[in-house]
Amino acid sequence: MKRKLVLEDGHVFIGEGFGSMQEKIAEIVFNTSVVGYQEILSDPSYCAQMVCMTYPLIGNYGLTDEDYESKNIYMSGFIVREYNDIPSNFRFTRTLGEVMEENGVVGIAEVDTREIVRLIRDHGSMKAIICDVDKPLEECMKALKAYEYPKNQVATVSSKKIWYSRTPNPLYTVVAVDCGVKLNIIRKLNQAGCNVVVVPYNTPKETILRYKPDGLFLSNGPGDPENVTEVIELIRQMKGVIPILGICLGHQMIGLAYGAKTYKMKFGHRGGNHPVKNLDTDKVEITSQNHSFAIDINSLKGTGLRLTHINLLDNEAEGMMDDINNVIAVQYHPESAAGPEDSEYIFNRFMELMKKCGGNSYAKKNRY
């Protein structure tokens, strides 16, 4: 079925629809990853966004039951050059189009994704609509103008109740604040020897401390970090109590809690091959990234946070640390299931901080 993609700046692309045949408006962004479309589809950080993939062939290895990054799907749409509905993969259980249709995710194929990416790169991310091909352009533009970006994405994607992910012979207990957490992060913490208690984003400090945690983890998630005031205040209350690790949105919220500033990037970082320089080791790591907002490096002065990593493409802040209060923050994704593994040491560093701080001796000393 013919479908139409209309951008906020008036550009129109006609293509073939797949997935859901609903009409959807969302922010359009692009991702440069060669593989990992299932992880992208199921990443809660893409809530209220439609993703244009730069790699031309999508769907060719299907979807597998073990590879989802969340229990629900929040993405609005996929834009691809060529969609393959006949996967070749002994592990696949569903096609991409089937899962998209069941979850209300719209798709459009046979469009010039190179031109779309150039438009986003040159003019920035913008609103877009995928709709029936015969919908008048005037109505599309009117709908785009009236659309407002949601401000409650974290509340939408966060778990509504506390849940647990345990591991044999655990060394530590970590409370993970779910702002849209990816399941592979929980798996990595389990593999490192941590029992994980996953709590909703608005869980108060008193509830968290009942679990006598050895560490606090702040997850990735969608939207503007300034809107997640509950977690920013929690960080202020918890720093210095137990070690803290923040990834992606967690990185940004840590910066805000310390008094740094964030801003929305022109088109963000989304892909599996971003070069990041570790300022402590002087080594370059290839990283997986997905974010629209960033920390203003100039605002870090006097906050107590020191810059540990920078992006070599644009010198954006990619990592910070408070050595006194045992707080680590990275903007990229060290747990990436379909990307490079250069940064998995971040989890080991978090474990070392919990060990240094005495682990369960925190509870024994009644430091709460």
Protein backbone atom coordinates (compact mmCIF):
# COMPACT_ATOMS: atom_id res chain seq x y z
CA MET A 1 0.00 0.00 0.00
CA LYS A 2 1.30 3.43 -0.96
CA ARG A 3 2.04 5.71 1.99
CA LYS A 4 3.42 9.22 2.37
CA LEU A 5 6.07 10.75 4.62
CA VAL A 6 5.79 14.51 5.07
CA LEU A 7 8.43 16.51 6.93
CA GLU A 8 7.83 19.67 8.88
CA ASP A 9 9.80 21.67 6.28
CA GLY A 10 7.42 20.57 3.51
CA HIS A 11 9.40 17.76 1.88
CA VAL A 12 7.25 14.83 0.73
CA PHE A 13 8.34 11.23 0.13
CA ILE A 14 6.08 8.57 -1.41
CA GLY A 15 6.79 4.93 -0.58
CA GLU A 16 5.40 1.53 0.34
CA GLY A 17 3.82 1.07 3.75
CA PHE A 18 4.63 -1.78 6.13
CA GLY A 19 3.85 -2.47 9.75
CA SER A 20 0.84 -0.56 11.09
CA MET A 21 -1.28 1.44 8.64
CA GLN A 22 -2.22 4.05 11.23
CA GLU A 23 -1.38 7.72 10.84
CA LYS A 24 1.44 8.85 13.14
CA ILE A 25 3.18 12.15 13.91
CA ALA A 26 6.51 12.14 15.75
CA GLU A 27 10.00 13.58 15.79
CA ILE A 28 12.10 12.17 12.94
CA VAL A 29 15.71 11.16 13.66
CA PHE A 30 18.26 8.94 11.93
CA ASN A 31 20.42 6.00 13.04
CA THR A 32 23.62 4.92 11.30
CA SER A 33 23.79 1.36 12.70
CA VAL A 34 24.32 -1.49 10.23
CA VAL A 35 22.65 -4.10 12.45
CA GLY A 36 20.42 -3.99 15.51
CA TYR A 37 17.05 -2.83 14.16
CA GLN A 38 15.27 -5.05 16.71
CA GLU A 39 17.15 -3.42 19.56
CA ILE A 40 16.36 0.00 18.08
CA LEU A 41 12.67 -0.86 17.68
CA SER A 42 12.39 -2.01 21.29
CA ASP A 43 14.56 0.70 22.90
CA PRO A 44 12.26 2.87 25.08
CA SER A 45 14.51 5.87 24.40
CA TYR A 46 12.83 6.10 20.97
CA CYS A 47 9.45 6.87 22.52
CA ALA A 48 7.53 9.37 20.33
CA GLN A 49 10.16 9.21 17.57
CA MET A 50 10.33 7.74 14.08
CA VAL A 51 13.74 6.48 12.96
CA CYS A 52 15.24 6.71 9.49
CA MET A 53 17.83 3.97 9.03
CA THR A 54 20.88 4.83 6.92
CA TYR A 55 21.66 1.16 6.23
CA PRO A 56 19.62 0.30 3.13
CA LEU A 57 18.33 -3.22 3.92
CA ILE A 58 16.17 -3.69 7.02
CA GLY A 59 14.22 -6.78 8.15
CA ASN A 60 16.43 -9.39 6.50
CA TYR A 61 17.20 -11.37 9.68
CA GLY A 62 13.79 -11.00 11.33
CA LEU A 63 13.20 -10.65 15.07
CA THR A 64 14.00 -13.14 17.82
CA ASP A 65 12.32 -13.58 21.17
CA GLU A 66 15.56 -13.19 23.16
CA ASP A 67 16.77 -9.90 21.68
CA TYR A 68 14.18 -7.34 22.76
CA GLU A 69 15.44 -4.40 24.83
CA SER A 70 12.13 -3.86 26.63
CA LYS A 71 8.85 -5.62 27.29
CA ASN A 72 6.92 -3.01 25.32
CA ILE A 73 7.51 -1.01 22.13
CA TYR A 74 7.19 2.78 22.19
CA MET A 75 8.67 3.84 18.84
CA SER A 76 6.29 5.61 16.43
CA GLY A 77 7.76 4.66 13.06
CA PHE A 78 10.52 3.17 10.89
CA ILE A 79 11.71 4.70 7.61
CA VAL A 80 13.85 2.43 5.41
CA ARG A 81 15.17 2.17 1.87
CA GLU A 82 14.36 -1.52 1.39
CA TYR A 83 12.22 -3.68 3.69
CA ASN A 84 12.72 -7.46 3.59
CA ASP A 85 9.68 -9.44 4.74
CA ILE A 86 11.23 -12.90 4.16
CA PRO A 87 14.01 -13.18 6.79
CA SER A 88 16.90 -15.61 6.50
CA ASN A 89 17.98 -16.48 10.05
CA PHE A 90 17.64 -19.77 11.93
CA ARG A 91 16.85 -17.84 15.15
CA PHE A 92 14.05 -15.61 13.87
CA THR A 93 10.54 -16.09 15.24
CA ARG A 94 8.69 -13.03 13.85
CA THR A 95 9.06 -10.60 10.99
CA LEU A 96 9.71 -6.93 11.68
CA GLY A 97 6.47 -5.94 9.94
CA GLU A 98 4.38 -8.32 12.07
CA VAL A 99 5.70 -6.91 15.34
CA MET A 100 5.31 -3.34 14.13
CA GLU A 101 1.71 -3.96 13.09
CA GLU A 102 0.82 -5.50 16.47
CA ASN A 103 2.39 -2.58 18.35
CA GLY A 104 1.08 0.31 16.27
CA VAL A 105 4.43 1.23 14.71
CA VAL A 106 4.10 2.67 11.20
CA GLY A 107 6.66 2.00 8.49
CA ILE A 108 7.50 3.32 5.05
CA ALA A 109 9.97 1.79 2.57
CA GLU A 110 11.20 2.55 -0.96
CA VAL A 111 12.03 6.16 -0.09
CA ASP A 112 15.34 7.98 -0.51
CA THR A 113 16.75 7.61 2.98
CA ARG A 114 19.98 9.34 1.94
CA GLU A 115 18.12 12.54 1.12
CA ILE A 116 16.06 12.30 4.33
CA VAL A 117 19.23 11.93 6.43
CA ARG A 118 20.86 14.89 4.69
CA LEU A 119 17.80 17.03 5.44
CA ILE A 120 17.91 16.08 9.13
CA ARG A 121 21.67 16.58 9.26
CA ASP A 122 21.47 20.03 7.63
CA HIS A 123 18.29 21.35 9.24
CA GLY A 124 18.05 19.32 12.44
CA SER A 125 15.50 16.79 13.71
CA MET A 126 11.95 17.88 13.04
CA LYS A 127 8.32 16.76 13.13
CA ALA A 128 7.14 14.27 10.52
CA ILE A 129 3.94 12.45 9.62
CA ILE A 130 3.41 9.09 7.93
CA CYS A 131 -0.08 8.84 6.48
CA ASP A 132 -2.19 7.70 3.52
CA VAL A 133 -0.78 8.84 0.20
CA ASP A 134 -3.98 10.70 -0.73
CA LYS A 135 -4.08 12.88 2.41
CA PRO A 136 -3.86 16.52 1.21
CA LEU A 137 -0.54 18.20 1.89
CA GLU A 138 -2.30 21.17 3.47
CA GLU A 139 -3.90 18.89 6.07
CA CYS A 140 -0.55 17.23 6.76
CA MET A 141 1.17 20.56 7.35
CA LYS A 142 -1.68 21.76 9.57
CA ALA A 143 -1.46 18.59 11.67
CA LEU A 144 2.33 18.93 11.98
CA LYS A 145 2.04 22.55 13.07
CA ALA A 146 -0.51 21.64 15.75
CA TYR A 147 1.52 18.70 17.11
CA GLU A 148 3.43 19.30 20.35
CA TYR A 149 6.27 17.10 21.53
CA PRO A 150 5.24 15.14 24.65
CA LYS A 151 6.93 16.00 27.94
CA ASN A 152 6.07 12.87 29.92
CA GLN A 153 7.98 10.20 27.99
CA VAL A 154 9.78 8.85 31.07
CA ALA A 155 6.48 8.45 32.89
CA THR A 156 5.17 6.60 29.82
CA VAL A 157 8.01 4.08 29.52
CA SER A 158 9.00 3.56 33.16
CA SER A 159 7.83 0.41 34.91
CA LYS A 160 4.74 0.88 37.03
CA LYS A 161 5.87 -1.47 39.79
CA ILE A 162 9.06 -2.81 41.33
CA TRP A 163 10.53 -5.96 39.78
CA TYR A 164 13.63 -8.07 40.34
CA SER A 165 16.38 -9.65 38.26
CA ARG A 166 18.52 -12.00 40.34
CA THR A 167 21.78 -13.82 39.65
CA PRO A 168 23.39 -16.88 41.32
CA ASN A 169 25.84 -16.12 44.13
CA PRO A 170 25.40 -12.34 44.03
CA LEU A 171 28.14 -10.04 45.25
CA TYR A 172 26.07 -6.86 45.48
CA THR A 173 22.55 -5.46 45.28
CA VAL A 174 21.91 -2.63 42.84
CA VAL A 175 18.73 -0.56 42.64
CA ALA A 176 18.07 0.49 39.03
CA VAL A 177 15.88 3.56 38.52
CA ASP A 178 13.85 2.77 35.41
CA CYS A 179 13.52 5.79 33.12
CA GLY A 180 13.24 3.48 30.10
CA VAL A 181 15.91 0.93 30.97
CA LYS A 182 17.22 -1.45 28.29
CA LEU A 183 17.10 -5.08 29.34
CA ASN A 184 20.69 -5.71 28.29
CA ILE A 185 21.84 -3.27 30.97
CA ILE A 186 20.11 -5.45 33.57
CA ARG A 187 21.73 -8.54 32.04
CA LYS A 188 25.19 -6.94 32.23
CA LEU A 189 24.69 -6.05 35.90
CA ASN A 190 23.56 -9.63 36.58
CA GLN A 191 26.61 -11.01 34.75
CA ALA A 192 28.84 -8.76 36.85
CA GLY A 193 27.43 -10.38 40.01
CA CYS A 194 24.63 -8.02 40.99
CA ASN A 195 21.08 -8.71 42.09
CA VAL A 196 19.06 -5.89 40.52
CA VAL A 197 15.94 -4.28 41.96
CA VAL A 198 14.24 -2.25 39.22
CA VAL A 199 12.10 0.60 40.54
CA PRO A 200 9.85 3.20 38.84
CA TYR A 201 11.42 6.57 38.06
CA ASN A 202 9.54 8.37 40.84
CA THR A 203 10.48 5.98 43.67
CA PRO A 204 11.52 7.98 46.78
CA LYS A 205 14.85 7.62 48.56
CA GLU A 206 13.26 5.95 51.60
CA THR A 207 11.85 3.11 49.49
CA ILE A 208 15.16 2.57 47.70
CA LEU A 209 17.12 2.35 50.95
CA ARG A 210 14.84 -0.40 52.27
CA TYR A 211 16.58 -2.75 49.85
CA LYS A 212 19.97 -1.92 51.44
CA PRO A 213 21.58 -1.40 48.04
CA ASP A 214 25.31 -1.32 47.44
CA GLY A 215 24.89 0.84 44.35
CA LEU A 216 22.36 2.97 42.48
CA PHE A 217 21.94 2.77 38.71
CA LEU A 218 20.25 5.51 36.65
CA SER A 219 19.01 4.28 33.28
CA ASN A 220 18.69 5.60 29.77
CA GLY A 221 15.35 6.96 28.65
CA PRO A 222 13.53 9.34 26.30
CA GLY A 223 12.95 13.06 26.29
CA ASP A 224 14.34 16.17 27.95
CA PRO A 225 16.28 15.37 31.16
CA GLU A 226 15.10 18.63 32.75
CA ASN A 227 11.58 17.19 32.89
CA VAL A 228 12.64 14.28 35.13
CA THR A 229 12.77 16.34 38.32
CA GLU A 230 12.07 13.37 40.60
CA VAL A 231 15.29 11.60 39.60
CA ILE A 232 17.38 14.77 39.64
CA GLU A 233 16.34 15.36 43.26
CA LEU A 234 17.00 11.69 44.10
CA ILE A 235 20.57 12.03 42.82
CA ARG A 236 21.14 15.04 45.09
CA GLN A 237 19.91 13.00 48.05
CA MET A 238 21.89 9.85 47.22
CA LYS A 239 25.29 11.13 46.12
CA GLY A 240 27.88 10.22 48.73
CA VAL A 241 25.63 7.57 50.26
CA ILE A 242 26.35 4.74 47.82
CA PRO A 243 28.13 4.59 44.43
CA ILE A 244 26.06 5.77 41.47
CA LEU A 245 26.30 4.85 37.78
CA GLY A 246 24.32 6.73 35.12
CA ILE A 247 24.03 5.86 31.43
CA CYS A 248 22.69 8.17 28.67
CA LEU A 249 19.70 10.00 30.23
CA GLY A 250 21.21 9.02 33.59
CA HIS A 251 24.39 10.87 32.56
CA GLN A 252 22.40 14.00 31.76
CA MET A 253 20.37 13.87 34.98
CA ILE A 254 23.55 13.52 37.04
CA GLY A 255 24.92 16.63 35.35
CA LEU A 256 21.74 18.57 36.14
CA ALA A 257 21.77 17.39 39.77
CA TYR A 258 25.29 18.79 40.14
CA GLY A 259 24.38 22.14 38.62
CA ALA A 260 25.56 21.61 35.03
CA LYS A 261 23.38 22.51 32.04
CA THR A 262 21.96 20.43 29.20
CA TYR A 263 20.81 21.39 25.72
CA LYS A 264 19.12 19.74 22.76
CA MET A 265 21.50 18.82 19.95
CA LYS A 266 20.82 19.63 16.31
CA PHE A 267 20.24 16.02 15.31
CA GLY A 268 21.70 13.98 18.17
CA HIS A 269 23.96 10.93 18.23
CA ARG A 270 22.46 7.63 17.05
CA GLY A 271 24.61 4.81 15.78
CA GLY A 272 27.01 2.03 16.63
CA ASN A 273 30.37 3.51 15.67
CA HIS A 274 30.91 6.81 17.51
CA PRO A 275 34.57 7.37 18.49
CA VAL A 276 34.96 8.47 22.11
CA LYS A 277 38.27 9.41 23.72
CA ASN A 278 38.87 8.27 27.29
CA LEU A 279 40.74 11.21 28.83
CA ASP A 280 42.07 9.06 31.69
CA THR A 281 43.72 6.45 29.44
CA ASP A 282 44.13 8.52 26.24
CA LYS A 283 42.56 5.61 24.33
CA VAL A 284 39.76 5.80 21.77
CA GLU A 285 36.68 3.62 22.24
CA ILE A 286 34.09 2.85 19.56
CA THR A 287 30.68 3.29 21.15
CA SER A 288 26.95 2.82 20.61
CA GLN A 289 24.86 5.95 21.13
CA ASN A 290 21.27 7.17 21.15
CA HIS A 291 20.52 10.63 22.54
CA SER A 292 19.12 14.03 21.57
CA PHE A 293 20.38 15.98 24.59
CA ALA A 294 23.90 16.61 25.85
CA ILE A 295 25.81 18.15 28.74
CA ASP A 296 27.25 21.63 28.18
CA ILE A 297 30.95 21.03 28.84
CA ASN A 298 31.49 24.68 29.81
CA SER A 299 28.91 24.33 32.60
CA LEU A 300 30.85 21.56 34.41
CA LYS A 301 33.29 23.99 36.02
CA GLY A 302 32.76 24.18 39.77
CA THR A 303 30.18 21.37 39.89
CA GLY A 304 32.44 18.69 41.39
CA LEU A 305 32.27 16.63 38.21
CA ARG A 306 35.32 16.12 36.02
CA LEU A 307 35.13 15.31 32.33
CA THR A 308 36.37 11.77 31.56
CA HIS A 309 35.30 11.18 27.94
CA ILE A 310 34.69 13.31 24.83
CA ASN A 311 33.20 12.53 21.43
CA LEU A 312 35.84 12.89 18.73
CA LEU A 313 33.28 13.84 16.09
CA ASP A 314 32.05 17.01 17.79
CA ASN A 315 33.78 17.23 21.21
CA GLU A 316 30.53 16.62 23.12
CA ALA A 317 30.74 15.42 26.74
CA GLU A 318 30.61 11.62 26.83
CA GLY A 319 31.59 10.84 30.42
CA MET A 320 31.96 12.45 33.86
CA MET A 321 32.98 11.38 37.35
CA ASP A 322 32.79 12.62 40.92
CA ASP A 323 35.80 10.92 42.50
CA ILE A 324 34.88 12.01 46.03
CA ASN A 325 31.29 10.74 46.02
CA ASN A 326 31.89 7.71 43.74
CA VAL A 327 29.61 8.80 40.90
CA ILE A 328 30.20 7.63 37.30
CA ALA A 329 28.28 8.87 34.27
CA VAL A 330 28.62 7.99 30.58
CA GLN A 331 26.58 9.33 27.69
CA TYR A 332 27.05 6.29 25.45
CA HIS A 333 25.82 2.69 25.90
CA PRO A 334 28.52 0.33 27.25
CA GLU A 335 26.01 -2.54 27.31
CA SER A 336 25.09 -2.42 23.61
CA ALA A 337 23.80 -5.82 22.53
CA ALA A 338 24.29 -5.15 18.81
CA GLY A 339 27.31 -2.89 18.91
CA PRO A 340 30.93 -2.50 19.99
CA GLU A 341 32.17 -3.82 23.32
CA ASP A 342 35.02 -1.35 23.93
CA SER A 343 33.30 0.17 26.95
CA GLU A 344 32.07 -2.81 28.97
CA TYR A 345 34.75 -1.96 31.56
CA ILE A 346 32.33 0.70 32.88
CA PHE A 347 30.42 -2.04 34.70
CA ASN A 348 33.66 -3.37 36.24
CA ARG A 349 34.50 0.15 37.42
CA PHE A 350 31.08 0.37 39.07
CA MET A 351 31.74 -2.97 40.79
CA GLU A 352 35.12 -1.70 42.01
CA LEU A 353 33.47 1.37 43.54
CA MET A 354 30.94 -0.80 45.39
CA LYS A 355 33.77 -3.00 46.64
CA LYS A 356 35.81 0.03 47.72
CA CYS A 357 32.84 1.41 49.62
CA GLY A 358 32.41 -1.80 51.59
CA GLY A 359 29.53 -3.41 49.75
CA ASN A 360 26.99 -4.73 52.21
CA SER A 361 28.89 -3.14 55.08
CA TYR A 362 26.87 -0.04 54.34
CA ALA A 363 23.82 -1.77 55.74
CA LYS A 364 25.80 -3.25 58.64
CA LYS A 365 27.05 0.17 59.68
CA ASN A 366 23.53 1.61 59.47
CA ARG A 367 24.79 4.45 57.32
CA TYR A 368 21.26 5.16 56.21
